[in-house]
Amino acid sequence: MIIGYARVSTQDQQTLRQIDQLKEFGCERIYEEKASGTKRDRVELIRMMDALREGDVVIITELSRLSRTVKDLFEIVDRIHNIGADIKSLKESWIDTTTPQGKLLFTIFAGISQFERDLIRQRTIEGLQAARARGRNGGRPPKDKSKIKLALSMYDSKVCSISQILETVGISKTTLYRYIRTRRD
């Protein structure tokens, strides 16, 4: 089955141009929605992915309609391929996994994207190691021990409410409960 996906970012925008192009291409079913491309939980995209079957072809008018980030794009295309379906962009002719050439080009771009992510990860690790070598461990500084001791004694007294403890000591609820849990362990 040839399935179309059309998306615009805001309620004020229209999908009419995309719908016309998808119908002209021969899409038998079109999923359309008005949602930001950066959202991962797009209702119609999820419905389309759930409905995809092996041998289906997803048609988009352009890549920006499917995703706003390269990483997200590759994840979506990977999910489509894992189902056994293909994808084709009407605007970007290089993304057409129905052909061997399109699969090759997409694989090359996916490899470059993975290489970029690996380089970023490597630089981050090297930066953290350099900081540790200079005595900087990163993370948040530890809380003032006297504040924590006061908060725990107020908690143990069962006289003060949690909100009173937090307001008096100036720590978050998460921090208070973490120290209570740590003390029990």
N, C-alpha and C. Protein backbone atom coordinates (compact mmCIF):
# COMPACT_ATOMS: atom_id res chain seq x y z
N MET A 1 0.84 -1.17 0.00
CA MET A 1 0.00 0.00 0.00
C MET A 1 0.89 1.24 0.00
N ILE A 2 0.47 2.25 -0.72
CA ILE A 2 1.19 3.52 -0.75
C ILE A 2 0.51 4.45 0.24
N ILE A 3 1.26 4.85 1.27
CA ILE A 3 0.71 5.63 2.38
C ILE A 3 1.39 6.99 2.41
N GLY A 4 0.59 8.04 2.53
CA GLY A 4 1.12 9.39 2.60
C GLY A 4 1.11 9.92 4.02
N TYR A 5 2.05 10.81 4.32
CA TYR A 5 2.09 11.48 5.62
C TYR A 5 2.30 12.96 5.37
N ALA A 6 1.36 13.77 5.86
CA ALA A 6 1.44 15.23 5.71
C ALA A 6 1.38 15.86 7.10
N ARG A 7 2.19 16.90 7.30
CA ARG A 7 2.22 17.55 8.60
C ARG A 7 2.52 19.03 8.43
N VAL A 8 1.85 19.84 9.24
CA VAL A 8 2.20 21.25 9.39
C VAL A 8 2.38 21.50 10.88
N SER A 9 3.08 22.57 11.22
CA SER A 9 3.46 22.81 12.61
C SER A 9 2.37 23.46 13.46
N THR A 10 1.55 24.31 12.87
CA THR A 10 0.57 25.04 13.68
C THR A 10 -0.84 24.86 13.14
N GLN A 11 -1.81 25.16 13.98
CA GLN A 11 -3.22 25.04 13.60
C GLN A 11 -3.58 26.02 12.48
N ASP A 12 -2.85 27.12 12.36
CA ASP A 12 -3.12 28.13 11.34
C ASP A 12 -2.69 27.68 9.95
N GLN A 13 -1.78 26.73 9.87
CA GLN A 13 -1.28 26.29 8.58
C GLN A 13 -2.17 25.20 7.98
N GLN A 14 -2.05 25.01 6.67
CA GLN A 14 -2.87 24.03 5.97
C GLN A 14 -1.99 22.94 5.33
N THR A 15 -2.52 21.75 5.25
CA THR A 15 -1.82 20.63 4.61
C THR A 15 -2.28 20.43 3.17
N LEU A 16 -3.09 21.33 2.65
CA LEU A 16 -3.72 21.15 1.33
C LEU A 16 -2.70 20.89 0.22
N ARG A 17 -1.62 21.66 0.16
CA ARG A 17 -0.61 21.48 -0.89
C ARG A 17 0.00 20.09 -0.79
N GLN A 18 0.33 19.67 0.43
CA GLN A 18 0.91 18.34 0.63
C GLN A 18 -0.08 17.25 0.24
N ILE A 19 -1.32 17.40 0.65
CA ILE A 19 -2.35 16.40 0.34
C ILE A 19 -2.51 16.26 -1.17
N ASP A 20 -2.54 17.39 -1.86
CA ASP A 20 -2.65 17.35 -3.33
C ASP A 20 -1.50 16.58 -3.95
N GLN A 21 -0.27 16.84 -3.50
CA GLN A 21 0.90 16.15 -4.04
C GLN A 21 0.85 14.66 -3.73
N LEU A 22 0.44 14.31 -2.53
CA LEU A 22 0.38 12.90 -2.14
C LEU A 22 -0.70 12.16 -2.93
N LYS A 23 -1.84 12.80 -3.14
CA LYS A 23 -2.90 12.18 -3.93
C LYS A 23 -2.45 12.01 -5.38
N GLU A 24 -1.77 13.05 -5.91
CA GLU A 24 -1.28 12.99 -7.29
C GLU A 24 -0.28 11.85 -7.46
N PHE A 25 0.50 11.58 -6.42
CA PHE A 25 1.47 10.48 -6.48
C PHE A 25 0.77 9.12 -6.41
N GLY A 26 -0.45 9.08 -5.89
CA GLY A 26 -1.19 7.82 -5.84
C GLY A 26 -1.33 7.21 -4.45
N CYS A 27 -1.18 8.02 -3.42
CA CYS A 27 -1.32 7.51 -2.05
C CYS A 27 -2.74 7.01 -1.82
N GLU A 28 -2.83 5.80 -1.29
CA GLU A 28 -4.13 5.18 -1.03
C GLU A 28 -4.68 5.59 0.33
N ARG A 29 -3.81 5.94 1.25
CA ARG A 29 -4.20 6.37 2.61
C ARG A 29 -3.26 7.50 2.98
N ILE A 30 -3.81 8.57 3.52
CA ILE A 30 -2.99 9.72 3.92
C ILE A 30 -3.26 10.05 5.38
N TYR A 31 -2.19 10.13 6.14
CA TYR A 31 -2.26 10.56 7.53
C TYR A 31 -1.82 12.01 7.57
N GLU A 32 -2.63 12.86 8.18
CA GLU A 32 -2.26 14.27 8.24
C GLU A 32 -2.45 14.78 9.66
N GLU A 33 -1.56 15.70 10.06
CA GLU A 33 -1.69 16.27 11.39
C GLU A 33 -1.08 17.65 11.47
N LYS A 34 -1.49 18.35 12.52
CA LYS A 34 -0.97 19.68 12.81
C LYS A 34 -0.27 19.58 14.16
N ALA A 35 1.05 19.40 14.09
CA ALA A 35 1.85 19.24 15.30
C ALA A 35 3.30 19.58 14.96
N SER A 36 4.03 20.03 15.92
CA SER A 36 5.43 20.36 15.71
C SER A 36 6.22 19.11 15.33
N GLY A 37 7.16 19.28 14.40
CA GLY A 37 7.99 18.16 13.98
C GLY A 37 8.97 17.71 15.04
N THR A 38 9.14 18.53 16.08
CA THR A 38 10.06 18.15 17.16
C THR A 38 9.38 17.26 18.19
N LYS A 39 8.05 17.20 18.17
CA LYS A 39 7.33 16.33 19.11
C LYS A 39 7.51 14.88 18.70
N ARG A 40 7.80 14.05 19.65
CA ARG A 40 7.99 12.62 19.36
C ARG A 40 6.67 11.85 19.41
N ASP A 41 5.70 12.38 20.13
CA ASP A 41 4.44 11.66 20.31
C ASP A 41 3.34 12.22 19.42
N ARG A 42 3.62 12.35 18.13
CA ARG A 42 2.62 12.83 17.18
C ARG A 42 1.60 11.72 16.93
N VAL A 43 0.35 12.02 17.18
CA VAL A 43 -0.72 11.02 17.14
C VAL A 43 -0.82 10.34 15.78
N GLU A 44 -0.87 11.11 14.70
CA GLU A 44 -1.04 10.52 13.38
C GLU A 44 0.20 9.76 12.93
N LEU A 45 1.37 10.23 13.29
CA LEU A 45 2.60 9.49 12.96
C LEU A 45 2.58 8.14 13.66
N ILE A 46 2.19 8.12 14.91
CA ILE A 46 2.10 6.87 15.66
C ILE A 46 1.07 5.94 15.02
N ARG A 47 -0.09 6.50 14.64
CA ARG A 47 -1.13 5.68 13.99
C ARG A 47 -0.62 5.10 12.68
N MET A 48 0.10 5.93 11.91
CA MET A 48 0.64 5.45 10.64
C MET A 48 1.64 4.32 10.88
N MET A 49 2.54 4.51 11.84
CA MET A 49 3.55 3.49 12.13
C MET A 49 2.88 2.18 12.58
N ASP A 50 1.82 2.29 13.37
CA ASP A 50 1.10 1.10 13.83
C ASP A 50 0.41 0.38 12.68
N ALA A 51 -0.02 1.14 11.66
CA ALA A 51 -0.75 0.56 10.54
C ALA A 51 0.16 0.01 9.45
N LEU A 52 1.44 0.39 9.46
CA LEU A 52 2.37 -0.05 8.41
C LEU A 52 2.53 -1.57 8.40
N ARG A 53 2.61 -2.09 7.18
CA ARG A 53 2.84 -3.52 7.00
C ARG A 53 4.00 -3.72 6.04
N GLU A 54 4.55 -4.90 6.04
CA GLU A 54 5.65 -5.22 5.14
C GLU A 54 5.22 -4.96 3.69
N GLY A 55 6.09 -4.29 2.95
CA GLY A 55 5.82 -3.98 1.55
C GLY A 55 5.18 -2.61 1.32
N ASP A 56 4.71 -1.97 2.39
CA ASP A 56 4.14 -0.63 2.25
C ASP A 56 5.23 0.38 1.91
N VAL A 57 4.82 1.49 1.31
CA VAL A 57 5.74 2.59 1.02
C VAL A 57 5.15 3.87 1.60
N VAL A 58 5.93 4.54 2.45
CA VAL A 58 5.50 5.81 3.03
C VAL A 58 6.02 6.92 2.13
N ILE A 59 5.11 7.82 1.73
CA ILE A 59 5.46 8.94 0.87
C ILE A 59 5.32 10.22 1.68
N ILE A 60 6.36 11.05 1.63
CA ILE A 60 6.32 12.38 2.25
C ILE A 60 6.66 13.40 1.17
N THR A 61 6.15 14.61 1.31
CA THR A 61 6.45 15.62 0.30
C THR A 61 7.87 16.13 0.45
N GLU A 62 8.35 16.20 1.70
CA GLU A 62 9.73 16.60 1.97
C GLU A 62 10.12 16.14 3.37
N LEU A 63 11.40 15.99 3.60
CA LEU A 63 11.90 15.44 4.86
C LEU A 63 11.46 16.23 6.08
N SER A 64 11.39 17.56 5.95
CA SER A 64 11.03 18.38 7.11
C SER A 64 9.61 18.09 7.59
N ARG A 65 8.79 17.45 6.78
CA ARG A 65 7.43 17.10 7.20
C ARG A 65 7.46 15.89 8.12
N LEU A 66 8.48 15.05 8.00
CA LEU A 66 8.58 13.84 8.82
C LEU A 66 9.29 14.12 10.13
N SER A 67 10.36 14.95 10.06
CA SER A 67 11.17 15.18 11.25
C SER A 67 11.93 16.48 11.14
N ARG A 68 12.27 17.05 12.28
CA ARG A 68 13.06 18.28 12.32
C ARG A 68 14.53 18.03 12.65
N THR A 69 14.83 16.84 13.16
CA THR A 69 16.22 16.54 13.48
C THR A 69 16.68 15.31 12.71
N VAL A 70 17.96 15.27 12.40
CA VAL A 70 18.52 14.14 11.66
C VAL A 70 18.39 12.86 12.48
N LYS A 71 18.69 12.96 13.75
CA LYS A 71 18.62 11.79 14.62
C LYS A 71 17.22 11.20 14.63
N ASP A 72 16.22 12.05 14.79
CA ASP A 72 14.84 11.60 14.81
C ASP A 72 14.44 11.01 13.46
N LEU A 73 14.89 11.64 12.38
CA LEU A 73 14.60 11.15 11.04
C LEU A 73 15.12 9.73 10.87
N PHE A 74 16.38 9.51 11.25
CA PHE A 74 16.96 8.18 11.09
C PHE A 74 16.26 7.15 11.97
N GLU A 75 15.82 7.55 13.15
CA GLU A 75 15.09 6.62 14.01
C GLU A 75 13.75 6.24 13.38
N ILE A 76 13.04 7.22 12.82
CA ILE A 76 11.75 6.94 12.19
C ILE A 76 11.94 6.03 10.97
N VAL A 77 12.92 6.36 10.13
CA VAL A 77 13.17 5.55 8.94
C VAL A 77 13.60 4.14 9.34
N ASP A 78 14.39 4.03 10.39
CA ASP A 78 14.82 2.71 10.87
C ASP A 78 13.60 1.89 11.32
N ARG A 79 12.66 2.53 12.02
CA ARG A 79 11.45 1.84 12.44
C ARG A 79 10.64 1.38 11.22
N ILE A 80 10.56 2.24 10.21
CA ILE A 80 9.84 1.87 8.99
C ILE A 80 10.50 0.65 8.34
N HIS A 81 11.82 0.66 8.27
CA HIS A 81 12.54 -0.48 7.66
C HIS A 81 12.40 -1.75 8.48
N ASN A 82 12.38 -1.63 9.80
CA ASN A 82 12.22 -2.81 10.65
C ASN A 82 10.87 -3.49 10.43
N ILE A 83 9.88 -2.72 10.01
CA ILE A 83 8.56 -3.27 9.69
C ILE A 83 8.61 -3.98 8.34
N GLY A 84 9.58 -3.58 7.50
CA GLY A 84 9.66 -4.14 6.15
C GLY A 84 9.08 -3.22 5.11
N ALA A 85 8.87 -1.96 5.49
CA ALA A 85 8.32 -0.97 4.57
C ALA A 85 9.45 -0.06 4.07
N ASP A 86 9.12 0.79 3.11
CA ASP A 86 10.09 1.73 2.55
C ASP A 86 9.56 3.14 2.68
N ILE A 87 10.42 4.11 2.34
CA ILE A 87 10.05 5.52 2.42
C ILE A 87 10.58 6.24 1.20
N LYS A 88 9.81 7.24 0.76
CA LYS A 88 10.20 8.02 -0.41
C LYS A 88 9.78 9.46 -0.18
N SER A 89 10.71 10.38 -0.48
CA SER A 89 10.42 11.81 -0.40
C SER A 89 10.23 12.34 -1.82
N LEU A 90 9.20 13.13 -2.03
CA LEU A 90 8.95 13.69 -3.35
C LEU A 90 9.93 14.81 -3.68
N LYS A 91 10.36 15.56 -2.67
CA LYS A 91 11.27 16.69 -2.90
C LYS A 91 12.73 16.26 -2.94
N GLU A 92 13.14 15.44 -1.98
CA GLU A 92 14.53 14.99 -1.90
C GLU A 92 14.62 13.62 -2.55
N SER A 93 15.03 13.60 -3.80
CA SER A 93 15.04 12.35 -4.56
C SER A 93 16.02 11.32 -4.00
N TRP A 94 17.00 11.76 -3.22
CA TRP A 94 17.97 10.81 -2.68
C TRP A 94 17.37 9.91 -1.62
N ILE A 95 16.23 10.31 -1.03
CA ILE A 95 15.61 9.41 -0.06
C ILE A 95 14.47 8.66 -0.75
N ASP A 96 14.83 7.50 -1.22
CA ASP A 96 13.89 6.61 -1.87
C ASP A 96 14.41 5.19 -1.64
N THR A 97 14.01 4.61 -0.52
CA THR A 97 14.54 3.30 -0.16
C THR A 97 13.87 2.17 -0.93
N THR A 98 13.05 2.52 -1.92
CA THR A 98 12.47 1.49 -2.77
C THR A 98 13.46 1.06 -3.86
N THR A 99 14.56 1.81 -4.00
CA THR A 99 15.58 1.48 -5.01
C THR A 99 16.91 1.17 -4.32
N PRO A 100 17.75 0.36 -4.94
CA PRO A 100 19.06 0.07 -4.36
C PRO A 100 19.90 1.35 -4.18
N GLN A 101 19.83 2.27 -5.16
CA GLN A 101 20.59 3.52 -5.07
C GLN A 101 20.12 4.37 -3.89
N GLY A 102 18.80 4.43 -3.69
CA GLY A 102 18.25 5.20 -2.57
C GLY A 102 18.64 4.60 -1.24
N LYS A 103 18.62 3.26 -1.16
CA LYS A 103 19.05 2.61 0.08
C LYS A 103 20.51 2.90 0.37
N LEU A 104 21.34 2.86 -0.68
CA LEU A 104 22.77 3.15 -0.50
C LEU A 104 22.97 4.57 0.00
N LEU A 105 22.34 5.54 -0.65
CA LEU A 105 22.49 6.93 -0.23
C LEU A 105 22.02 7.14 1.20
N PHE A 106 20.87 6.55 1.53
CA PHE A 106 20.38 6.71 2.89
C PHE A 106 21.33 6.09 3.90
N THR A 107 21.89 4.93 3.56
CA THR A 107 22.86 4.27 4.44
C THR A 107 24.09 5.13 4.64
N ILE A 108 24.55 5.77 3.57
CA ILE A 108 25.72 6.65 3.67
C ILE A 108 25.41 7.82 4.60
N PHE A 109 24.25 8.46 4.40
CA PHE A 109 23.89 9.58 5.25
C PHE A 109 23.69 9.14 6.70
N ALA A 110 23.11 7.98 6.90
CA ALA A 110 22.94 7.46 8.25
C ALA A 110 24.29 7.20 8.90
N GLY A 111 25.24 6.67 8.12
CA GLY A 111 26.60 6.43 8.64
C GLY A 111 27.28 7.73 9.03
N ILE A 112 27.12 8.75 8.21
CA ILE A 112 27.72 10.06 8.53
C ILE A 112 27.10 10.62 9.81
N SER A 113 25.79 10.48 9.94
CA SER A 113 25.11 10.97 11.13
C SER A 113 25.59 10.22 12.38
N GLN A 114 25.73 8.90 12.28
CA GLN A 114 26.23 8.11 13.41
C GLN A 114 27.65 8.51 13.74
N PHE A 115 28.48 8.73 12.73
CA PHE A 115 29.86 9.17 12.92
C PHE A 115 29.88 10.50 13.69
N GLU A 116 29.01 11.43 13.32
CA GLU A 116 28.93 12.72 13.99
C GLU A 116 28.55 12.54 15.47
N ARG A 117 27.55 11.69 15.74
CA ARG A 117 27.15 11.44 17.14
C ARG A 117 28.29 10.81 17.93
N ASP A 118 29.03 9.88 17.29
CA ASP A 118 30.15 9.24 17.97
C ASP A 118 31.26 10.25 18.29
N LEU A 119 31.53 11.17 17.35
CA LEU A 119 32.54 12.20 17.60
C LEU A 119 32.14 13.11 18.76
N ILE A 120 30.89 13.49 18.81
CA ILE A 120 30.41 14.33 19.91
C ILE A 120 30.57 13.60 21.23
N ARG A 121 30.20 12.33 21.25
CA ARG A 121 30.34 11.53 22.47
C ARG A 121 31.81 11.42 22.89
N GLN A 122 32.69 11.17 21.92
CA GLN A 122 34.11 11.06 22.20
C GLN A 122 34.67 12.37 22.77
N ARG A 123 34.30 13.50 22.17
CA ARG A 123 34.78 14.79 22.68
C ARG A 123 34.25 15.07 24.08
N THR A 124 33.01 14.68 24.34
CA THR A 124 32.44 14.87 25.67
C THR A 124 33.20 14.07 26.71
N ILE A 125 33.49 12.81 26.40
CA ILE A 125 34.25 11.96 27.33
C ILE A 125 35.63 12.54 27.57
N GLU A 126 36.30 12.98 26.51
CA GLU A 126 37.63 13.57 26.65
C GLU A 126 37.58 14.84 27.50
N GLY A 127 36.56 15.65 27.31
CA GLY A 127 36.41 16.88 28.11
C GLY A 127 36.19 16.57 29.57
N LEU A 128 35.38 15.54 29.86
CA LEU A 128 35.15 15.15 31.26
C LEU A 128 36.42 14.61 31.90
N GLN A 129 37.19 13.82 31.14
CA GLN A 129 38.45 13.30 31.67
C GLN A 129 39.44 14.42 31.96
N ALA A 130 39.52 15.41 31.07
CA ALA A 130 40.41 16.55 31.28
C ALA A 130 40.00 17.35 32.52
N ALA A 131 38.69 17.52 32.71
CA ALA A 131 38.20 18.25 33.88
C ALA A 131 38.52 17.48 35.15
N ARG A 132 38.33 16.16 35.14
CA ARG A 132 38.64 15.35 36.32
C ARG A 132 40.13 15.40 36.66
N ALA A 133 40.98 15.42 35.62
CA ALA A 133 42.43 15.50 35.84
C ALA A 133 42.80 16.80 36.54
N ARG A 134 41.98 17.83 36.38
CA ARG A 134 42.22 19.12 37.03
C ARG A 134 41.47 19.24 38.35
N GLY A 135 40.87 18.11 38.81
CA GLY A 135 40.20 18.09 40.10
C GLY A 135 38.74 18.50 40.07
N ARG A 136 38.19 18.67 38.91
CA ARG A 136 36.77 19.03 38.80
C ARG A 136 35.98 17.78 38.46
N ASN A 137 35.02 17.44 39.30
CA ASN A 137 34.25 16.22 39.09
C ASN A 137 32.91 16.47 38.41
N GLY A 138 32.49 17.70 38.33
CA GLY A 138 31.20 17.98 37.71
C GLY A 138 30.06 17.66 38.63
N GLY A 139 28.87 17.84 38.15
CA GLY A 139 27.69 17.58 38.96
C GLY A 139 27.39 18.74 39.89
N ARG A 140 26.37 18.58 40.66
CA ARG A 140 25.97 19.62 41.59
C ARG A 140 26.83 19.57 42.84
N PRO A 141 27.09 20.72 43.43
CA PRO A 141 27.86 20.71 44.68
C PRO A 141 27.03 20.07 45.79
N PRO A 142 27.68 19.42 46.74
CA PRO A 142 26.94 18.78 47.83
C PRO A 142 26.21 19.82 48.68
N LYS A 143 25.11 19.40 49.28
CA LYS A 143 24.32 20.29 50.14
C LYS A 143 25.06 20.52 51.46
N ASP A 144 24.75 21.64 52.04
CA ASP A 144 25.33 22.01 53.33
C ASP A 144 24.89 20.95 54.37
N LYS A 145 25.86 20.30 55.01
CA LYS A 145 25.56 19.21 55.94
C LYS A 145 24.73 19.68 57.13
N SER A 146 24.94 20.89 57.56
CA SER A 146 24.15 21.39 58.69
C SER A 146 22.68 21.56 58.30
N LYS A 147 22.43 21.97 57.06
CA LYS A 147 21.04 22.10 56.59
C LYS A 147 20.38 20.73 56.52
N ILE A 148 21.10 19.76 56.02
CA ILE A 148 20.56 18.40 55.90
C ILE A 148 20.29 17.83 57.29
N LYS A 149 21.20 18.05 58.23
CA LYS A 149 21.03 17.55 59.59
C LYS A 149 19.79 18.19 60.23
N LEU A 150 19.62 19.50 60.04
CA LEU A 150 18.45 20.20 60.56
C LEU A 150 17.17 19.65 59.93
N ALA A 151 17.18 19.47 58.62
CA ALA A 151 16.00 18.96 57.92
C ALA A 151 15.61 17.57 58.43
N LEU A 152 16.62 16.71 58.62
CA LEU A 152 16.34 15.35 59.10
C LEU A 152 15.82 15.36 60.54
N SER A 153 16.34 16.23 61.39
CA SER A 153 15.85 16.29 62.77
C SER A 153 14.42 16.86 62.81
N MET A 154 14.12 17.82 61.94
CA MET A 154 12.75 18.35 61.85
C MET A 154 11.81 17.25 61.37
N TYR A 155 12.26 16.46 60.42
CA TYR A 155 11.46 15.35 59.89
C TYR A 155 11.21 14.31 60.99
N ASP A 156 12.27 13.97 61.71
CA ASP A 156 12.15 12.97 62.77
C ASP A 156 11.24 13.42 63.91
N SER A 157 11.17 14.72 64.14
CA SER A 157 10.36 15.23 65.25
C SER A 157 8.87 15.04 65.00
N LYS A 158 8.49 14.90 63.74
CA LYS A 158 7.10 14.73 63.33
C LYS A 158 6.21 15.91 63.75
N VAL A 159 6.83 17.04 64.05
CA VAL A 159 6.11 18.25 64.43
C VAL A 159 5.87 19.13 63.21
N CYS A 160 6.84 19.14 62.30
CA CYS A 160 6.79 20.02 61.13
C CYS A 160 6.29 19.25 59.90
N SER A 161 5.57 19.96 59.07
CA SER A 161 5.14 19.36 57.81
C SER A 161 6.33 19.40 56.83
N ILE A 162 6.21 18.64 55.78
CA ILE A 162 7.27 18.61 54.76
C ILE A 162 7.46 20.00 54.17
N SER A 163 6.37 20.68 53.86
CA SER A 163 6.49 22.02 53.27
C SER A 163 7.17 22.99 54.24
N GLN A 164 6.92 22.86 55.54
CA GLN A 164 7.59 23.71 56.53
C GLN A 164 9.09 23.42 56.56
N ILE A 165 9.44 22.15 56.49
CA ILE A 165 10.86 21.77 56.49
C ILE A 165 11.55 22.36 55.27
N LEU A 166 10.94 22.19 54.11
CA LEU A 166 11.54 22.66 52.86
C LEU A 166 11.72 24.18 52.88
N GLU A 167 10.70 24.88 53.38
CA GLU A 167 10.76 26.34 53.42
C GLU A 167 11.82 26.82 54.42
N THR A 168 11.90 26.18 55.57
CA THR A 168 12.84 26.59 56.61
C THR A 168 14.28 26.33 56.19
N VAL A 169 14.53 25.16 55.66
CA VAL A 169 15.90 24.73 55.35
C VAL A 169 16.34 25.21 53.96
N GLY A 170 15.39 25.32 53.04
CA GLY A 170 15.74 25.79 51.70
C GLY A 170 16.28 24.69 50.79
N ILE A 171 15.70 23.51 50.91
CA ILE A 171 16.08 22.41 50.00
C ILE A 171 14.81 21.94 49.29
N SER A 172 15.00 21.12 48.27
CA SER A 172 13.84 20.61 47.53
C SER A 172 13.31 19.34 48.19
N LYS A 173 12.08 19.00 47.84
CA LYS A 173 11.46 17.79 48.37
C LYS A 173 12.25 16.56 47.94
N THR A 174 12.72 16.56 46.69
CA THR A 174 13.50 15.43 46.18
C THR A 174 14.76 15.23 47.00
N THR A 175 15.44 16.34 47.32
CA THR A 175 16.66 16.26 48.12
C THR A 175 16.37 15.71 49.51
N LEU A 176 15.32 16.21 50.14
CA LEU A 176 14.95 15.74 51.47
C LEU A 176 14.70 14.23 51.46
N TYR A 177 13.87 13.77 50.52
CA TYR A 177 13.56 12.34 50.47
C TYR A 177 14.77 11.49 50.10
N ARG A 178 15.67 12.02 49.30
CA ARG A 178 16.88 11.28 48.96
C ARG A 178 17.72 11.06 50.23
N TYR A 179 17.86 12.10 51.06
CA TYR A 179 18.65 11.94 52.29
C TYR A 179 17.95 11.04 53.30
N ILE A 180 16.63 11.08 53.34
CA ILE A 180 15.88 10.18 54.24
C ILE A 180 16.11 8.73 53.79
N ARG A 181 16.01 8.50 52.48
CA ARG A 181 16.21 7.16 51.92
C ARG A 181 17.65 6.68 52.15
N THR A 182 18.63 7.55 51.94
CA THR A 182 20.04 7.20 52.12
C THR A 182 20.31 6.80 53.56
N ARG A 183 19.68 7.53 54.49
CA ARG A 183 19.87 7.26 55.90
C ARG A 183 19.32 5.89 56.27
N ARG A 184 18.18 5.50 55.68
CA ARG A 184 17.59 4.19 55.96
C ARG A 184 18.47 3.05 55.46
N ASP A 185 19.05 3.28 54.27
CA ASP A 185 19.88 2.23 53.65
C ASP A 185 21.17 2.10 54.43
